[in-house]
């Protein structure tokens, strides 16, 4: 996937990783971020230097818990209309959230990024956007986004679920 190289660069020097899934499970592909978080929570359970949160449509309600974890890096995962093919994933800067996002919480994410940067000195924050096909109320995740959710979870697990995190776990013991 195209996001893996950018994600690898973003996470250089990471020692505490917070992964935040965002989305509305009632709106089809908007559930992509929550779905990735659910998969990763199982795969990365027990790693003291990684926390995976499924924040649904209200990530701002989890700000205190995010700050308490004191991450060096935060990766938000959400459905974002980037004009790509459904299911394509790309790393997005917070200031790119100003227009064109299908995410129902785009403004709160931009504000949340600012709040977290103020509250966690030196934290690096990015959004991994997954292009939705539909966010209509009452629909299910499309097949394209379902495949992408698995690929994103696999990519993150492969890149960071093993090498970086296991090395850090050994250093903490």
N, C-alpha and C. Protein backbone atom coordinates (compact mmCIF):
# COMPACT_ATOMS: atom_id res chain seq x y z
N UNK A 1 0.85 -1.18 0.00
CA UNK A 1 0.00 0.00 0.00
C UNK A 1 0.89 1.25 0.00
N UNK A 2 0.40 2.30 -0.59
CA UNK A 2 1.17 3.53 -0.72
C UNK A 2 1.46 4.20 0.63
N UNK A 3 0.60 4.00 1.60
CA UNK A 3 0.76 4.68 2.88
C UNK A 3 1.94 4.14 3.69
N UNK A 4 2.39 2.92 3.44
CA UNK A 4 3.39 2.29 4.29
C UNK A 4 4.71 3.05 4.33
N UNK A 5 5.17 3.53 3.18
CA UNK A 5 6.44 4.27 3.15
C UNK A 5 6.32 5.58 3.93
N UNK A 6 5.24 6.31 3.71
CA UNK A 6 5.02 7.56 4.45
C UNK A 6 4.87 7.30 5.94
N UNK A 7 4.18 6.23 6.29
CA UNK A 7 3.99 5.88 7.69
C UNK A 7 5.31 5.51 8.34
N UNK A 8 6.14 4.79 7.62
CA UNK A 8 7.45 4.42 8.13
C UNK A 8 8.28 5.66 8.44
N UNK A 9 8.25 6.63 7.55
CA UNK A 9 8.98 7.89 7.77
C UNK A 9 8.41 8.65 8.97
N UNK A 10 7.09 8.72 9.06
CA UNK A 10 6.44 9.43 10.17
C UNK A 10 6.81 8.81 11.51
N UNK A 11 6.90 7.50 11.59
CA UNK A 11 7.13 6.84 12.87
C UNK A 11 8.60 6.64 13.22
N UNK A 12 9.51 7.21 12.45
CA UNK A 12 10.93 7.13 12.81
C UNK A 12 11.12 7.76 14.19
N UNK A 13 11.82 7.09 15.06
CA UNK A 13 12.09 7.60 16.40
C UNK A 13 10.94 7.43 17.37
N UNK A 14 9.91 6.70 16.98
CA UNK A 14 8.75 6.51 17.84
C UNK A 14 9.11 5.59 19.01
N UNK A 15 8.75 6.02 20.23
CA UNK A 15 8.94 5.13 21.38
C UNK A 15 7.64 4.82 22.11
N UNK A 16 6.61 5.62 21.89
CA UNK A 16 5.27 5.34 22.44
C UNK A 16 4.25 5.73 21.37
N UNK A 17 3.53 4.75 20.89
CA UNK A 17 2.62 4.95 19.77
C UNK A 17 1.17 4.85 20.24
N UNK A 18 0.38 5.87 19.91
CA UNK A 18 -1.05 5.86 20.15
C UNK A 18 -1.74 5.77 18.79
N UNK A 19 -2.57 4.74 18.62
CA UNK A 19 -3.34 4.56 17.39
C UNK A 19 -4.80 4.82 17.75
N UNK A 20 -5.43 5.75 17.04
CA UNK A 20 -6.80 6.17 17.35
C UNK A 20 -7.70 5.92 16.14
N UNK A 21 -8.63 4.97 16.29
CA UNK A 21 -9.63 4.73 15.26
C UNK A 21 -10.81 5.65 15.47
N UNK A 22 -11.24 6.32 14.39
CA UNK A 22 -12.33 7.28 14.45
C UNK A 22 -13.36 6.92 13.39
N UNK A 23 -14.64 7.09 13.71
CA UNK A 23 -15.67 6.85 12.71
C UNK A 23 -17.02 6.54 13.31
N UNK A 24 -17.99 6.49 12.44
CA UNK A 24 -19.36 6.21 12.82
C UNK A 24 -19.77 4.88 12.20
N UNK A 25 -19.98 3.88 13.04
CA UNK A 25 -20.30 2.53 12.57
C UNK A 25 -21.66 2.45 11.86
N UNK A 26 -22.47 3.47 12.00
CA UNK A 26 -23.80 3.47 11.38
C UNK A 26 -23.77 4.08 9.97
N UNK A 27 -22.59 4.54 9.53
CA UNK A 27 -22.50 5.25 8.25
C UNK A 27 -21.53 4.57 7.28
N UNK A 28 -21.73 3.30 7.04
CA UNK A 28 -20.97 2.58 6.02
C UNK A 28 -19.48 2.66 6.21
N UNK A 29 -18.80 3.21 5.21
CA UNK A 29 -17.34 3.25 5.20
C UNK A 29 -16.74 4.17 6.25
N UNK A 30 -17.56 5.01 6.88
CA UNK A 30 -17.05 5.87 7.94
C UNK A 30 -16.56 5.04 9.13
N UNK A 31 -16.92 3.77 9.17
CA UNK A 31 -16.48 2.87 10.25
C UNK A 31 -15.07 2.34 10.02
N UNK A 32 -14.41 2.73 8.96
CA UNK A 32 -13.09 2.17 8.61
C UNK A 32 -12.07 2.32 9.73
N UNK A 33 -11.96 3.50 10.30
CA UNK A 33 -10.97 3.74 11.36
C UNK A 33 -11.23 2.88 12.58
N UNK A 34 -12.49 2.77 12.97
CA UNK A 34 -12.85 1.93 14.13
C UNK A 34 -12.54 0.46 13.85
N UNK A 35 -12.78 0.03 12.62
CA UNK A 35 -12.53 -1.36 12.23
C UNK A 35 -11.03 -1.68 12.29
N UNK A 36 -10.20 -0.76 11.80
CA UNK A 36 -8.75 -0.98 11.87
C UNK A 36 -8.32 -1.04 13.34
N UNK A 37 -8.85 -0.14 14.15
CA UNK A 37 -8.48 -0.12 15.58
C UNK A 37 -8.86 -1.43 16.26
N UNK A 38 -10.02 -1.96 15.94
CA UNK A 38 -10.46 -3.21 16.55
C UNK A 38 -9.50 -4.36 16.20
N UNK A 39 -9.08 -4.42 14.95
CA UNK A 39 -8.14 -5.46 14.53
C UNK A 39 -6.80 -5.28 15.24
N UNK A 40 -6.29 -4.05 15.25
CA UNK A 40 -4.98 -3.78 15.85
C UNK A 40 -4.98 -3.97 17.37
N UNK A 41 -6.09 -3.67 18.01
CA UNK A 41 -6.16 -3.85 19.46
C UNK A 41 -5.87 -5.30 19.82
N UNK A 42 -6.40 -6.22 19.06
CA UNK A 42 -6.14 -7.64 19.30
C UNK A 42 -4.71 -8.03 18.99
N UNK A 43 -4.18 -7.52 17.92
CA UNK A 43 -2.82 -7.89 17.50
C UNK A 43 -1.73 -7.28 18.38
N UNK A 44 -1.97 -6.08 18.89
CA UNK A 44 -0.93 -5.36 19.63
C UNK A 44 -1.16 -5.37 21.14
N UNK A 45 -2.12 -6.17 21.58
CA UNK A 45 -2.43 -6.26 23.02
C UNK A 45 -1.19 -6.71 23.79
N UNK A 46 -0.97 -6.09 24.93
CA UNK A 46 0.15 -6.48 25.78
C UNK A 46 1.44 -5.72 25.50
N UNK A 47 1.44 -4.89 24.49
CA UNK A 47 2.62 -4.07 24.20
C UNK A 47 2.52 -2.81 25.04
N UNK A 48 3.44 -2.61 25.96
CA UNK A 48 3.36 -1.47 26.87
C UNK A 48 3.60 -0.13 26.22
N UNK A 49 4.18 -0.13 25.05
CA UNK A 49 4.51 1.15 24.41
C UNK A 49 3.58 1.47 23.24
N UNK A 50 2.45 0.77 23.16
CA UNK A 50 1.45 1.08 22.14
C UNK A 50 0.07 0.99 22.78
N UNK A 51 -0.76 1.96 22.46
CA UNK A 51 -2.15 1.97 22.92
C UNK A 51 -3.02 2.16 21.69
N UNK A 52 -4.00 1.28 21.53
CA UNK A 52 -4.95 1.37 20.43
C UNK A 52 -6.31 1.71 21.02
N UNK A 53 -6.90 2.79 20.51
CA UNK A 53 -8.20 3.24 20.99
C UNK A 53 -9.21 3.30 19.84
N UNK A 54 -10.41 2.79 20.10
CA UNK A 54 -11.53 2.94 19.17
C UNK A 54 -12.41 4.02 19.76
N UNK A 55 -12.33 5.23 19.22
CA UNK A 55 -13.02 6.39 19.79
C UNK A 55 -14.35 6.70 19.12
N UNK A 56 -14.78 5.89 18.17
CA UNK A 56 -16.04 6.16 17.50
C UNK A 56 -16.04 7.54 16.88
N UNK A 57 -17.17 8.22 16.96
CA UNK A 57 -17.29 9.54 16.35
C UNK A 57 -16.95 10.69 17.26
N UNK A 58 -16.46 10.39 18.49
CA UNK A 58 -16.17 11.46 19.45
C UNK A 58 -14.76 11.31 20.06
N UNK A 59 -13.73 11.40 19.24
CA UNK A 59 -12.37 11.24 19.78
C UNK A 59 -12.01 12.29 20.82
N UNK A 60 -12.66 13.46 20.75
CA UNK A 60 -12.36 14.51 21.72
C UNK A 60 -12.73 14.10 23.15
N UNK A 61 -13.62 13.12 23.30
CA UNK A 61 -13.99 12.64 24.63
C UNK A 61 -12.89 11.80 25.29
N UNK A 62 -11.86 11.45 24.54
CA UNK A 62 -10.79 10.59 25.04
C UNK A 62 -9.47 11.35 25.22
N UNK A 63 -9.53 12.67 25.16
CA UNK A 63 -8.32 13.50 25.21
C UNK A 63 -7.49 13.25 26.46
N UNK A 64 -8.13 13.16 27.61
CA UNK A 64 -7.39 12.96 28.86
C UNK A 64 -6.63 11.64 28.84
N UNK A 65 -7.29 10.57 28.39
CA UNK A 65 -6.62 9.27 28.31
C UNK A 65 -5.46 9.31 27.32
N UNK A 66 -5.64 10.02 26.21
CA UNK A 66 -4.56 10.15 25.23
C UNK A 66 -3.36 10.86 25.84
N UNK A 67 -3.62 11.94 26.56
CA UNK A 67 -2.53 12.70 27.19
C UNK A 67 -1.83 11.89 28.27
N UNK A 68 -2.59 11.13 29.05
CA UNK A 68 -2.00 10.31 30.12
C UNK A 68 -1.02 9.27 29.57
N UNK A 69 -1.29 8.77 28.38
CA UNK A 69 -0.42 7.76 27.78
C UNK A 69 0.94 8.34 27.40
N UNK A 70 1.01 9.66 27.18
CA UNK A 70 2.23 10.37 26.82
C UNK A 70 2.92 9.79 25.57
N UNK A 71 2.20 9.71 24.46
CA UNK A 71 2.80 9.15 23.25
C UNK A 71 3.81 10.10 22.61
N UNK A 72 4.77 9.52 21.92
CA UNK A 72 5.66 10.34 21.10
C UNK A 72 5.02 10.57 19.73
N UNK A 73 4.16 9.63 19.31
CA UNK A 73 3.50 9.68 18.02
C UNK A 73 2.04 9.26 18.16
N UNK A 74 1.15 9.95 17.46
CA UNK A 74 -0.26 9.58 17.43
C UNK A 74 -0.67 9.41 15.97
N UNK A 75 -1.28 8.26 15.69
CA UNK A 75 -1.79 7.98 14.35
C UNK A 75 -3.30 7.83 14.44
N UNK A 76 -4.02 8.81 13.88
CA UNK A 76 -5.47 8.72 13.77
C UNK A 76 -5.79 7.99 12.47
N UNK A 77 -6.83 7.17 12.48
CA UNK A 77 -7.27 6.46 11.27
C UNK A 77 -8.75 6.76 11.10
N UNK A 78 -9.10 7.26 9.91
CA UNK A 78 -10.48 7.67 9.67
C UNK A 78 -10.77 7.63 8.17
N UNK A 79 -12.05 7.57 7.83
CA UNK A 79 -12.47 7.70 6.44
C UNK A 79 -12.41 9.17 6.05
N UNK A 80 -11.75 9.46 4.95
CA UNK A 80 -11.58 10.84 4.50
C UNK A 80 -11.71 10.86 2.98
N UNK A 81 -12.55 11.76 2.47
CA UNK A 81 -12.69 11.91 1.03
C UNK A 81 -11.51 12.70 0.49
N UNK A 82 -10.63 12.00 -0.21
CA UNK A 82 -9.43 12.61 -0.76
C UNK A 82 -9.45 12.59 -2.29
N UNK A 83 -10.60 12.18 -2.85
CA UNK A 83 -10.71 12.11 -4.30
C UNK A 83 -9.98 10.92 -4.89
N UNK A 84 -9.73 9.90 -4.08
CA UNK A 84 -9.03 8.70 -4.54
C UNK A 84 -10.05 7.60 -4.86
N UNK A 85 -9.57 6.44 -5.27
CA UNK A 85 -10.44 5.29 -5.48
C UNK A 85 -10.87 4.77 -4.11
N UNK A 86 -12.11 4.28 -3.98
CA UNK A 86 -12.55 3.74 -2.70
C UNK A 86 -11.57 2.69 -2.15
N UNK A 87 -11.23 2.87 -0.89
CA UNK A 87 -10.31 1.94 -0.23
C UNK A 87 -8.86 2.38 -0.24
N UNK A 88 -8.49 3.35 -1.07
CA UNK A 88 -7.11 3.81 -1.08
C UNK A 88 -6.80 4.54 0.22
N UNK A 89 -5.59 4.34 0.73
CA UNK A 89 -5.18 4.96 2.00
C UNK A 89 -4.01 5.90 1.77
N UNK A 90 -4.01 6.99 2.56
CA UNK A 90 -2.94 7.99 2.43
C UNK A 90 -2.76 8.68 3.77
N UNK A 91 -1.53 9.03 4.09
CA UNK A 91 -1.23 9.79 5.30
C UNK A 91 -1.53 11.26 5.02
N UNK A 92 -2.27 11.91 5.94
CA UNK A 92 -2.74 13.27 5.75
C UNK A 92 -2.25 14.13 6.92
N UNK A 93 -1.80 15.33 6.61
CA UNK A 93 -1.43 16.31 7.64
C UNK A 93 -2.70 16.92 8.21
N UNK A 94 -2.66 17.34 9.45
CA UNK A 94 -3.82 17.95 10.10
C UNK A 94 -4.34 19.17 9.38
N UNK A 95 -3.44 19.98 8.80
CA UNK A 95 -3.89 21.19 8.13
C UNK A 95 -4.54 20.90 6.78
N UNK A 96 -4.49 19.66 6.33
CA UNK A 96 -5.16 19.28 5.09
C UNK A 96 -6.64 18.96 5.32
N UNK A 97 -7.10 19.00 6.56
CA UNK A 97 -8.46 18.65 6.88
C UNK A 97 -9.45 19.79 6.65
N UNK A 98 -9.04 20.86 6.04
CA UNK A 98 -9.90 22.04 5.90
C UNK A 98 -11.04 21.85 4.92
N UNK A 99 -10.85 21.11 3.86
CA UNK A 99 -11.94 21.02 2.90
C UNK A 99 -12.00 19.66 2.24
N UNK A 100 -13.20 19.29 1.80
CA UNK A 100 -13.38 18.08 1.02
C UNK A 100 -13.46 16.80 1.83
N UNK A 101 -13.38 16.86 3.13
CA UNK A 101 -13.42 15.64 3.91
C UNK A 101 -14.85 15.17 4.09
N UNK A 102 -15.07 13.88 3.89
CA UNK A 102 -16.38 13.30 4.15
C UNK A 102 -16.56 13.02 5.63
N UNK A 103 -15.50 13.05 6.37
CA UNK A 103 -15.57 12.75 7.79
C UNK A 103 -16.50 13.73 8.48
N UNK A 104 -17.43 13.20 9.26
CA UNK A 104 -18.37 14.07 9.97
C UNK A 104 -17.71 14.78 11.13
N UNK A 105 -16.48 14.45 11.44
CA UNK A 105 -15.78 15.03 12.58
C UNK A 105 -14.49 15.72 12.15
N UNK A 106 -14.40 16.18 10.91
CA UNK A 106 -13.16 16.76 10.41
C UNK A 106 -12.73 17.99 11.20
N UNK A 107 -13.66 18.85 11.56
CA UNK A 107 -13.27 20.04 12.31
C UNK A 107 -12.81 19.68 13.70
N UNK A 108 -13.51 18.74 14.35
CA UNK A 108 -13.08 18.37 15.69
C UNK A 108 -11.72 17.68 15.67
N UNK A 109 -11.40 16.95 14.60
CA UNK A 109 -10.08 16.33 14.51
C UNK A 109 -9.00 17.39 14.40
N UNK A 110 -9.23 18.39 13.57
CA UNK A 110 -8.24 19.46 13.43
C UNK A 110 -8.02 20.17 14.76
N UNK A 111 -9.10 20.48 15.45
CA UNK A 111 -9.01 21.11 16.76
C UNK A 111 -8.36 20.17 17.76
N UNK A 112 -8.73 18.90 17.72
CA UNK A 112 -8.16 17.91 18.63
C UNK A 112 -6.65 17.79 18.44
N UNK A 113 -6.20 17.82 17.20
CA UNK A 113 -4.75 17.77 16.93
C UNK A 113 -4.06 18.93 17.65
N UNK A 114 -4.63 20.11 17.56
CA UNK A 114 -4.04 21.28 18.22
C UNK A 114 -4.01 21.12 19.73
N UNK A 115 -5.11 20.66 20.29
CA UNK A 115 -5.19 20.45 21.74
C UNK A 115 -4.15 19.44 22.20
N UNK A 116 -4.01 18.36 21.46
CA UNK A 116 -3.05 17.32 21.84
C UNK A 116 -1.61 17.82 21.70
N UNK A 117 -1.33 18.58 20.66
CA UNK A 117 0.02 19.12 20.50
C UNK A 117 0.38 20.07 21.64
N UNK A 118 -0.60 20.83 22.11
CA UNK A 118 -0.37 21.71 23.26
C UNK A 118 -0.15 20.91 24.54
N UNK A 119 -0.91 19.84 24.71
CA UNK A 119 -0.87 19.07 25.95
C UNK A 119 0.21 18.01 26.03
N UNK A 120 0.79 17.65 24.89
CA UNK A 120 1.83 16.62 24.85
C UNK A 120 3.03 17.20 24.11
N UNK A 121 3.97 17.80 24.83
CA UNK A 121 5.12 18.44 24.18
C UNK A 121 5.87 17.49 23.24
N UNK A 122 6.09 17.97 22.01
CA UNK A 122 6.88 17.23 21.03
C UNK A 122 6.15 16.11 20.32
N UNK A 123 4.87 15.90 20.60
CA UNK A 123 4.15 14.80 19.96
C UNK A 123 4.02 15.05 18.47
N UNK A 124 4.11 13.98 17.70
CA UNK A 124 3.90 14.05 16.25
C UNK A 124 2.56 13.38 15.97
N UNK A 125 1.73 14.05 15.16
CA UNK A 125 0.38 13.56 14.89
C UNK A 125 0.11 13.55 13.39
N UNK A 126 -0.44 12.45 12.92
CA UNK A 126 -0.87 12.33 11.51
C UNK A 126 -2.19 11.59 11.47
N UNK A 127 -2.86 11.73 10.34
CA UNK A 127 -4.10 11.03 10.06
C UNK A 127 -3.87 10.09 8.89
N UNK A 128 -4.22 8.84 9.06
CA UNK A 128 -4.21 7.89 7.96
C UNK A 128 -5.63 7.83 7.43
N UNK A 129 -5.84 8.45 6.28
CA UNK A 129 -7.17 8.51 5.68
C UNK A 129 -7.41 7.34 4.76
N UNK A 130 -8.60 6.80 4.84
CA UNK A 130 -9.04 5.73 3.93
C UNK A 130 -10.20 6.29 3.11
N UNK A 131 -10.05 6.25 1.80
CA UNK A 131 -11.07 6.80 0.91
C UNK A 131 -12.35 5.96 0.99
N UNK A 132 -13.47 6.59 1.41
CA UNK A 132 -14.72 5.85 1.47
C UNK A 132 -15.40 5.77 0.11
N UNK A 133 -16.26 4.78 -0.04
CA UNK A 133 -17.14 4.70 -1.20
C UNK A 133 -18.48 5.34 -0.86
N UNK A 134 -18.97 5.02 0.35
CA UNK A 134 -20.24 5.60 0.79
C UNK A 134 -20.24 5.76 2.31
N UNK A 135 -20.83 6.86 2.76
CA UNK A 135 -21.02 7.06 4.20
C UNK A 135 -22.50 7.26 4.50
N UNK A 136 -23.34 6.68 3.65
CA UNK A 136 -24.78 6.79 3.85
C UNK A 136 -25.18 6.09 5.14
N UNK A 137 -26.11 6.70 5.85
CA UNK A 137 -26.59 6.15 7.12
C UNK A 137 -27.23 4.79 6.87
N UNK A 138 -26.91 3.82 7.73
CA UNK A 138 -27.51 2.49 7.67
C UNK A 138 -26.88 1.54 6.68
N UNK A 139 -25.81 1.97 6.01
CA UNK A 139 -25.15 1.07 5.06
C UNK A 139 -24.00 0.35 5.75
N UNK A 140 -23.55 -0.71 5.10
CA UNK A 140 -22.41 -1.48 5.61
C UNK A 140 -21.13 -0.99 4.93
N UNK A 141 -20.02 -1.41 5.50
CA UNK A 141 -18.73 -1.08 4.88
C UNK A 141 -18.66 -1.73 3.51
N UNK A 142 -18.25 -0.97 2.51
CA UNK A 142 -18.13 -1.48 1.14
C UNK A 142 -17.02 -2.52 1.06
N UNK A 143 -17.08 -3.34 0.04
CA UNK A 143 -16.06 -4.38 -0.12
C UNK A 143 -14.67 -3.77 -0.32
N UNK A 144 -14.59 -2.64 -1.04
CA UNK A 144 -13.30 -2.00 -1.27
C UNK A 144 -12.68 -1.51 0.04
N UNK A 145 -13.49 -0.91 0.89
CA UNK A 145 -12.96 -0.40 2.16
C UNK A 145 -12.70 -1.54 3.12
N UNK A 146 -13.49 -2.60 3.08
CA UNK A 146 -13.24 -3.77 3.93
C UNK A 146 -11.86 -4.37 3.61
N UNK A 147 -11.54 -4.47 2.33
CA UNK A 147 -10.22 -4.97 1.92
C UNK A 147 -9.13 -4.02 2.41
N UNK A 148 -9.37 -2.72 2.29
CA UNK A 148 -8.40 -1.73 2.73
C UNK A 148 -8.18 -1.78 4.24
N UNK A 149 -9.26 -1.95 5.00
CA UNK A 149 -9.14 -2.05 6.46
C UNK A 149 -8.19 -3.18 6.83
N UNK A 150 -8.36 -4.33 6.20
CA UNK A 150 -7.46 -5.46 6.47
C UNK A 150 -6.03 -5.14 6.05
N UNK A 151 -5.88 -4.52 4.88
CA UNK A 151 -4.54 -4.19 4.38
C UNK A 151 -3.85 -3.17 5.27
N UNK A 152 -4.59 -2.16 5.73
CA UNK A 152 -4.01 -1.15 6.63
C UNK A 152 -3.59 -1.80 7.94
N UNK A 153 -4.46 -2.62 8.51
CA UNK A 153 -4.12 -3.32 9.76
C UNK A 153 -2.91 -4.23 9.56
N UNK A 154 -2.87 -4.94 8.44
CA UNK A 154 -1.72 -5.81 8.15
C UNK A 154 -0.45 -5.00 7.99
N UNK A 155 -0.54 -3.87 7.27
CA UNK A 155 0.63 -3.02 7.04
C UNK A 155 1.18 -2.46 8.33
N UNK A 156 0.30 -1.96 9.20
CA UNK A 156 0.75 -1.41 10.47
C UNK A 156 1.34 -2.52 11.34
N UNK A 157 0.68 -3.67 11.36
CA UNK A 157 1.19 -4.81 12.15
C UNK A 157 2.56 -5.24 11.66
N UNK A 158 2.70 -5.33 10.35
CA UNK A 158 3.96 -5.77 9.76
C UNK A 158 5.08 -4.76 10.04
N UNK A 159 4.79 -3.48 9.83
CA UNK A 159 5.82 -2.45 9.99
C UNK A 159 6.18 -2.19 11.45
N UNK A 160 5.18 -2.21 12.33
CA UNK A 160 5.41 -1.75 13.69
C UNK A 160 4.98 -2.71 14.77
N UNK A 161 4.23 -3.72 14.42
CA UNK A 161 3.77 -4.68 15.41
C UNK A 161 4.86 -5.63 15.81
N UNK A 162 5.88 -5.74 15.02
CA UNK A 162 6.95 -6.67 15.32
C UNK A 162 8.23 -5.96 15.68
N UNK A 163 8.96 -5.54 14.68
CA UNK A 163 10.32 -5.04 14.87
C UNK A 163 10.44 -3.90 15.88
N UNK A 164 9.79 -2.79 15.66
CA UNK A 164 9.97 -1.63 16.52
C UNK A 164 9.43 -1.89 17.93
N UNK A 165 8.22 -2.42 18.02
CA UNK A 165 7.58 -2.56 19.32
C UNK A 165 8.23 -3.64 20.16
N UNK A 166 8.62 -4.75 19.56
CA UNK A 166 9.28 -5.80 20.34
C UNK A 166 10.63 -5.32 20.86
N UNK A 167 11.35 -4.58 20.03
CA UNK A 167 12.63 -4.03 20.48
C UNK A 167 12.42 -3.13 21.68
N UNK A 168 11.42 -2.26 21.63
CA UNK A 168 11.14 -1.35 22.73
C UNK A 168 10.71 -2.12 23.97
N UNK A 169 9.92 -3.19 23.81
CA UNK A 169 9.49 -3.99 24.95
C UNK A 169 10.69 -4.61 25.66
N UNK A 170 11.64 -5.10 24.91
CA UNK A 170 12.83 -5.70 25.53
C UNK A 170 13.61 -4.65 26.31
N UNK A 171 13.65 -3.42 25.79
CA UNK A 171 14.39 -2.37 26.46
C UNK A 171 13.73 -1.97 27.78
N UNK A 172 12.38 -2.10 27.85
CA UNK A 172 11.68 -1.70 29.07
C UNK A 172 11.84 -2.70 30.20
N UNK A 173 12.15 -3.96 29.90
CA UNK A 173 12.24 -5.00 30.92
C UNK A 173 13.45 -4.85 31.80
